[in-house]
Protein backbone atom coordinates (compact mmCIF):
# COMPACT_ATOMS: atom_id res chain seq x y z
CA PHE A 1 0.00 0.00 0.00
CA ASN A 2 1.09 3.58 -0.58
CA SER A 3 3.04 5.08 2.29
CA ASN A 4 0.46 7.79 3.05
CA GLY A 5 -2.53 5.47 3.21
CA ASN A 6 -3.99 3.59 6.14
CA ILE A 7 -6.03 0.39 6.22
CA ARG A 8 -9.05 0.97 8.45
CA ILE A 9 -11.16 -2.14 7.87
CA ILE A 10 -10.63 -5.72 6.65
CA ILE A 11 -13.37 -8.31 6.21
CA GLN A 12 -13.34 -11.82 4.80
CA ASP A 13 -16.29 -12.29 2.48
CA SER A 14 -18.38 -15.33 1.64
CA ASN A 15 -15.93 -16.31 -1.10
CA ASN A 16 -13.05 -16.26 1.42
CA LYS A 17 -11.54 -13.20 -0.21
CA TYR A 18 -10.34 -10.18 1.74
CA VAL A 19 -12.03 -6.82 1.25
CA LEU A 20 -10.04 -3.87 2.55
CA GLY A 21 -10.90 -0.22 2.98
CA GLY A 22 -9.01 2.85 4.13
CA SER A 23 -7.30 5.95 2.80
CA PHE A 24 -4.80 4.24 0.46
CA ILE A 25 -4.55 4.97 -3.27
CA SER A 26 -2.36 2.11 -4.45
CA TYR A 27 -1.43 -1.51 -3.79
CA ASP A 28 1.70 -3.24 -5.08
CA GLY A 29 2.28 -0.36 -7.48
CA GLN A 30 -1.23 -0.44 -8.94
CA LYS A 31 -3.79 2.29 -8.43
CA ARG A 32 -6.53 1.21 -6.05
CA THR A 33 -8.50 4.04 -4.45
CA ARG A 34 -9.78 3.49 -0.92
CA MET A 35 -11.00 -0.08 -1.49
CA ILE A 36 -9.60 -3.34 -2.82
CA ARG A 37 -10.34 -7.08 -2.82
CA LEU A 38 -7.49 -9.58 -2.46
CA ASN A 39 -7.24 -13.27 -3.14
CA GLN A 40 -6.09 -15.65 -0.40
CA ASP A 41 -2.47 -15.37 -1.57
CA GLY A 42 -2.51 -11.55 -1.33
CA SER A 43 -2.79 -10.93 -5.07
CA ILE A 44 -5.32 -8.41 -6.39
CA ASP A 45 -8.70 -9.84 -7.33
CA ASN A 46 -9.22 -8.09 -10.64
CA THR A 47 -12.80 -9.34 -10.90
CA PHE A 48 -13.58 -6.64 -8.32
CA ASN A 49 -13.33 -3.57 -10.50
CA PHE A 50 -13.75 -0.57 -8.24
CA THR A 51 -12.49 1.93 -10.79
CA ILE A 52 -15.22 4.54 -10.54
CA SER A 53 -12.88 6.47 -8.22
CA ILE A 54 -15.61 8.52 -6.59
CA TYR A 55 -13.55 8.52 -3.42
CA THR A 56 -10.85 11.09 -4.03
CA ILE A 57 -10.38 12.23 -0.43
CA GLY A 58 -11.02 10.77 3.01
CA SER A 59 -11.15 7.18 4.23
CA ILE A 60 -13.40 4.14 4.35
CA TYR A 61 -14.13 3.07 7.93
CA SER A 62 -16.73 0.31 7.61
CA ILE A 63 -17.51 -2.49 5.14
CA ILE A 64 -19.99 -5.31 5.51
CA GLU A 65 -21.09 -8.03 3.15
CA ASP A 66 -24.85 -8.32 3.45
CA THR A 67 -27.01 -11.42 3.11
CA ASN A 68 -27.34 -10.79 -0.64
CA GLY A 69 -23.58 -10.81 -1.13
CA LYS A 70 -23.37 -7.04 -1.66
CA TYR A 71 -20.95 -4.71 0.11
CA VAL A 72 -22.29 -1.80 2.14
CA VAL A 73 -19.54 0.77 2.56
CA GLY A 74 -19.22 3.91 4.68
CA GLY A 75 -16.65 6.39 5.92
CA ASN A 76 -15.79 10.06 5.61
CA VAL A 77 -14.96 9.73 1.94
CA SER A 78 -15.92 12.44 -0.49
CA HIS A 79 -15.50 13.39 -4.12
CA GLY A 80 -13.65 16.67 -4.45
CA THR A 81 -15.50 19.36 -2.50
CA SER A 82 -18.72 17.35 -2.39
CA SER A 83 -19.72 15.02 0.42
CA GLU A 84 -21.48 12.41 -1.67
CA GLY A 85 -20.51 8.79 -1.37
CA LYS A 86 -20.33 8.45 2.42
CA LEU A 87 -22.71 5.53 2.22
CA ILE A 88 -22.86 3.26 -0.80
CA ARG A 89 -23.69 -0.34 -1.73
CA LEU A 90 -21.64 -2.24 -4.27
CA ASN A 91 -22.26 -5.36 -6.29
CA GLN A 92 -19.80 -8.25 -6.14
CA ASP A 93 -17.94 -6.88 -9.17
CA GLY A 94 -17.40 -3.48 -7.50
CA SER A 95 -20.06 -1.62 -9.48
CA ILE A 96 -22.55 0.64 -7.71
CA ASP A 97 -25.82 -1.01 -6.73
CA ASN A 98 -28.32 1.63 -7.85
CA THR A 99 -31.21 -0.18 -6.16
CA PHE A 100 -29.82 1.17 -2.87
CA ASN A 101 -31.05 4.76 -2.87
CA VAL A 102 -29.75 7.03 -0.11
CA GLY A 103 -31.16 10.16 -1.70
CA THR A 104 -29.31 13.26 -2.78
CA THR A 105 -28.80 14.87 0.62
CA SER A 106 -27.77 11.91 2.75
CA ILE A 107 -25.19 12.62 5.44
CA THR A 108 -24.10 15.77 3.64
CA LEU A 109 -22.22 17.60 6.37
CA ARG A 110 -18.66 18.16 5.29
CA PHE A 111 -17.07 16.83 8.46
CA SER A 112 -19.52 14.01 9.08
CA ASN A 113 -18.57 10.36 8.84
CA ILE A 114 -19.86 6.81 9.13
CA GLU A 115 -17.93 4.66 11.58
CA LYS A 116 -19.94 1.43 11.76
CA ILE A 117 -22.50 -0.51 9.73
CA ILE A 118 -24.19 -3.76 10.70
CA GLN A 119 -26.98 -5.78 9.15
CA ASP A 120 -29.36 -6.95 11.84
CA SER A 121 -31.37 -10.14 12.14
CA ASN A 122 -34.24 -8.55 10.17
CA GLY A 123 -31.96 -7.70 7.25
CA LYS A 124 -31.95 -3.98 8.01
CA TYR A 125 -28.85 -1.81 8.19
CA VAL A 126 -27.98 0.00 11.42
CA VAL A 127 -25.56 2.83 10.66
CA GLY A 128 -23.59 4.82 13.23
CA GLY A 129 -21.00 7.58 13.20
CA LEU A 130 -21.02 11.36 13.42
CA PHE A 131 -23.83 12.88 11.39
CA THR A 132 -27.00 14.92 11.89
CA ILE A 133 -28.94 14.49 8.63
CA TYR A 134 -29.96 11.61 6.40
CA ASN A 135 -31.81 12.39 3.18
CA GLY A 136 -33.07 15.67 4.58
CA GLU A 137 -34.28 14.31 7.92
CA ALA A 138 -32.66 14.88 11.31
CA TYR A 139 -30.87 11.81 12.66
CA ASN A 140 -28.09 12.26 15.18
CA SER A 141 -25.32 9.69 14.77
CA ILE A 142 -27.47 6.57 14.41
CA ILE A 143 -30.13 5.40 11.98
CA ARG A 144 -31.70 2.19 10.75
CA LEU A 145 -32.31 1.72 7.03
CA ASN A 146 -34.38 -0.65 4.98
CA GLN A 147 -32.71 -2.75 2.30
CA ASP A 148 -33.49 -0.16 -0.37
CA GLY A 149 -31.76 2.62 1.60
CA SER A 150 -34.95 4.26 2.86
CA ILE A 151 -35.30 5.23 6.52
CA ASP A 152 -36.87 2.64 8.80
CA ASP A 153 -39.02 5.00 10.85
CA THR A 154 -40.07 2.24 13.27
CA PHE A 155 -36.63 2.77 14.86
CA LYS A 156 -37.31 5.92 16.86
CA ILE A 157 -34.24 7.57 18.37
CA GLY A 158 -35.73 10.93 19.37
CA THR A 159 -32.85 13.40 19.57
CA GLY A 160 -30.32 10.54 19.38
CA PHE A 161 -26.70 11.25 20.28
CA ILE A 162 -26.62 15.03 20.24
CA GLY A 163 -23.67 17.36 20.87
CA ASN A 164 -21.11 15.80 18.52
CA GLY A 165 -21.73 12.33 19.91
CA VAL A 166 -19.93 9.70 17.86
CA VAL A 167 -21.02 6.08 17.49
CA TYR A 168 -17.95 3.87 16.96
CA SER A 169 -19.37 0.43 17.59
CA ILE A 170 -22.70 -1.39 17.14
CA ILE A 171 -23.50 -5.02 17.83
CA GLN A 172 -26.78 -6.88 17.95
CA ASP A 173 -26.71 -9.25 20.88
CA SER A 174 -28.30 -12.66 21.29
CA ASN A 175 -31.53 -11.04 22.51
CA GLY A 176 -31.84 -8.90 19.40
CA LYS A 177 -30.91 -5.71 21.24
CA TYR A 178 -28.33 -3.20 20.03
CA VAL A 179 -25.29 -2.47 22.19
CA ILE A 180 -23.67 0.79 21.13
CA GLY A 181 -20.31 2.20 22.12
CA GLY A 182 -18.77 5.55 21.30
CA LYS A 183 -17.87 9.04 22.36
CA PHE A 184 -21.18 10.31 23.68
CA THR A 185 -22.66 11.48 26.96
CA SER A 186 -26.39 11.34 26.26
CA TYR A 187 -29.05 9.60 24.19
CA ASN A 188 -32.46 11.14 23.59
CA GLY A 189 -32.05 13.40 26.61
CA SER A 190 -30.86 10.73 29.05
CA THR A 191 -27.30 10.60 30.39
CA TYR A 192 -25.30 7.66 29.02
CA ASN A 193 -21.51 7.86 28.98
CA GLY A 194 -19.95 5.87 26.18
CA LEU A 195 -22.20 2.80 26.22
CA ILE A 196 -25.91 2.06 25.88
CA ARG A 197 -28.24 -0.79 24.96
CA LEU A 198 -31.32 -0.13 22.83
CA ASN A 199 -34.43 -2.14 22.18
CA GLN A 200 -35.51 -2.99 18.63
CA ASP A 201 -37.68 0.12 18.47
CA GLY A 202 -34.80 2.46 19.43
CA SER A 203 -35.91 2.97 23.03
CA ILE A 204 -33.44 2.63 25.90
CA ASP A 205 -33.17 -0.80 27.50
CA ASN A 206 -33.25 0.14 31.17
CA THR A 207 -32.34 -3.39 32.27
CA PHE A 208 -28.78 -2.57 31.13
CA THR A 209 -27.36 -0.43 33.92
CA ILE A 210 -23.96 1.23 33.50
CA GLY A 211 -24.09 3.75 36.36
CA THR A 212 -21.81 6.66 35.47
CA GLY A 213 -20.39 4.66 32.56
CA PHE A 214 -17.05 5.54 31.03
CA ASN A 215 -15.01 8.71 31.50
CA ILE A 216 -15.61 10.54 28.23
CA ASN A 217 -13.53 13.39 26.83
CA SER A 218 -12.85 14.82 23.38
CA SER A 219 -10.60 11.90 22.38
CA THR A 220 -12.35 8.95 24.03
CA THR A 221 -13.20 5.84 22.03
CA VAL A 222 -15.36 2.95 23.22
CA LYS A 223 -15.88 -0.19 21.13
CA VAL A 224 -17.68 -3.38 22.07
CA VAL A 225 -17.89 -6.99 20.89
CA MET A 226 -19.93 -9.88 22.29
CA GLU A 227 -18.44 -13.16 23.46
CA ASP A 228 -20.07 -16.53 22.83
CA GLY A 229 -21.18 -16.58 26.46
CA GLY A 230 -23.20 -13.40 25.99
CA ARG A 231 -20.88 -11.07 27.87
CA TYR A 232 -19.60 -7.83 26.38
CA LEU A 233 -15.90 -7.16 25.90
CA VAL A 234 -15.23 -3.43 25.70
CA GLY A 235 -12.02 -1.69 24.64
CA GLY A 236 -10.97 1.87 23.88
CA SER A 237 -9.19 4.81 25.46
CA PHE A 238 -11.15 5.01 28.73
CA THR A 239 -9.63 4.66 32.20
CA ARG A 240 -12.77 4.38 34.35
CA TYR A 241 -16.10 2.58 34.32
CA ASN A 242 -18.80 3.45 36.83
CA GLY A 243 -16.25 5.08 39.11
CA GLN A 244 -13.77 2.19 39.10
CA LYS A 245 -10.37 2.16 37.42
CA TYR A 246 -10.26 0.04 34.28
CA TYR A 247 -7.50 0.83 31.85
CA ARG A 248 -8.80 0.53 28.29
CA ILE A 249 -10.38 -2.92 28.56
CA ILE A 250 -13.23 -4.40 30.58
CA ARG A 251 -15.74 -7.22 30.37
CA LEU A 252 -19.37 -6.64 31.33
CA ASN A 253 -22.21 -8.95 32.18
CA GLN A 254 -25.55 -8.85 30.37
CA ASP A 255 -26.95 -6.38 32.89
CA GLY A 256 -24.02 -3.93 32.49
CA SER A 257 -22.27 -4.90 35.73
CA ILE A 258 -18.53 -5.57 35.77
CA ASP A 259 -17.47 -9.18 35.24
CA LYS A 260 -14.79 -9.41 37.92
CA THR A 261 -13.70 -12.88 36.81
CA PHE A 262 -11.98 -11.06 33.93
CA ASN A 263 -8.93 -9.74 35.75
CA VAL A 264 -7.01 -7.19 33.69
CA GLY A 265 -4.79 -5.92 36.49
CA THR A 266 -3.50 -2.50 35.45
CA GLY A 267 -4.77 -3.03 31.91
CA PHE A 268 -3.13 -1.43 28.88
CA ASN A 269 -0.83 1.57 28.83
CA ASN A 270 -2.26 2.91 25.59
CA ASN A 271 -5.44 2.84 23.54
CA ILE A 272 -7.18 -0.18 22.05
């Protein structure tokens, strides 16, 4: 990859090929702008022809392969001075899937970005990041979309994550609920520091109790994954959770309490 470019996301798709996204513009001396697909031996898969080059600045942060074998891609990428292209769906050959219509004004703010995309158990896309508008409607940092790119208005977030709240991580747990991590201090008017669990309709799941949550500042990141046993493993740049010292990694039980059988000692000395 070119020396100025970063790799921000790698997935292995259903054909066991590697799809990579980031801010790079070349690979092994060949021009590849922001996205590439590699064979198992590391060679370029030339059947993935992402040559439209709409992404001239910025970076790709999130890629998923959906249940139809298409790639849903997001980031802070733009074309020139425009902000188009921050959310896009591609066919297996790298061409744009025009059946996915995000409208002409979707996530148009110049400094907005998409950090995370998942496809949930109902086939819908939950999209998080730092944004305030989708296709002309106010949505603060999280939204759920139907398969055609339209807004799923059964997912009601109210004011969402206001005040430059950033969603970095979304998972759907074994109960179908969404666990969301990021740099935020409130959701729909309620105080939640860095972590929250939402019901399928977008309401707060009050059975998930985090107390004062994580210590959040301008550079805090919080990301979460779920273990097979149903517990949540959380990493980032935090140093406290609910008033207790936890250095950048912690494991939580299903109710949000600390799993003290996961003994991290003094934790990490720098960010996860």
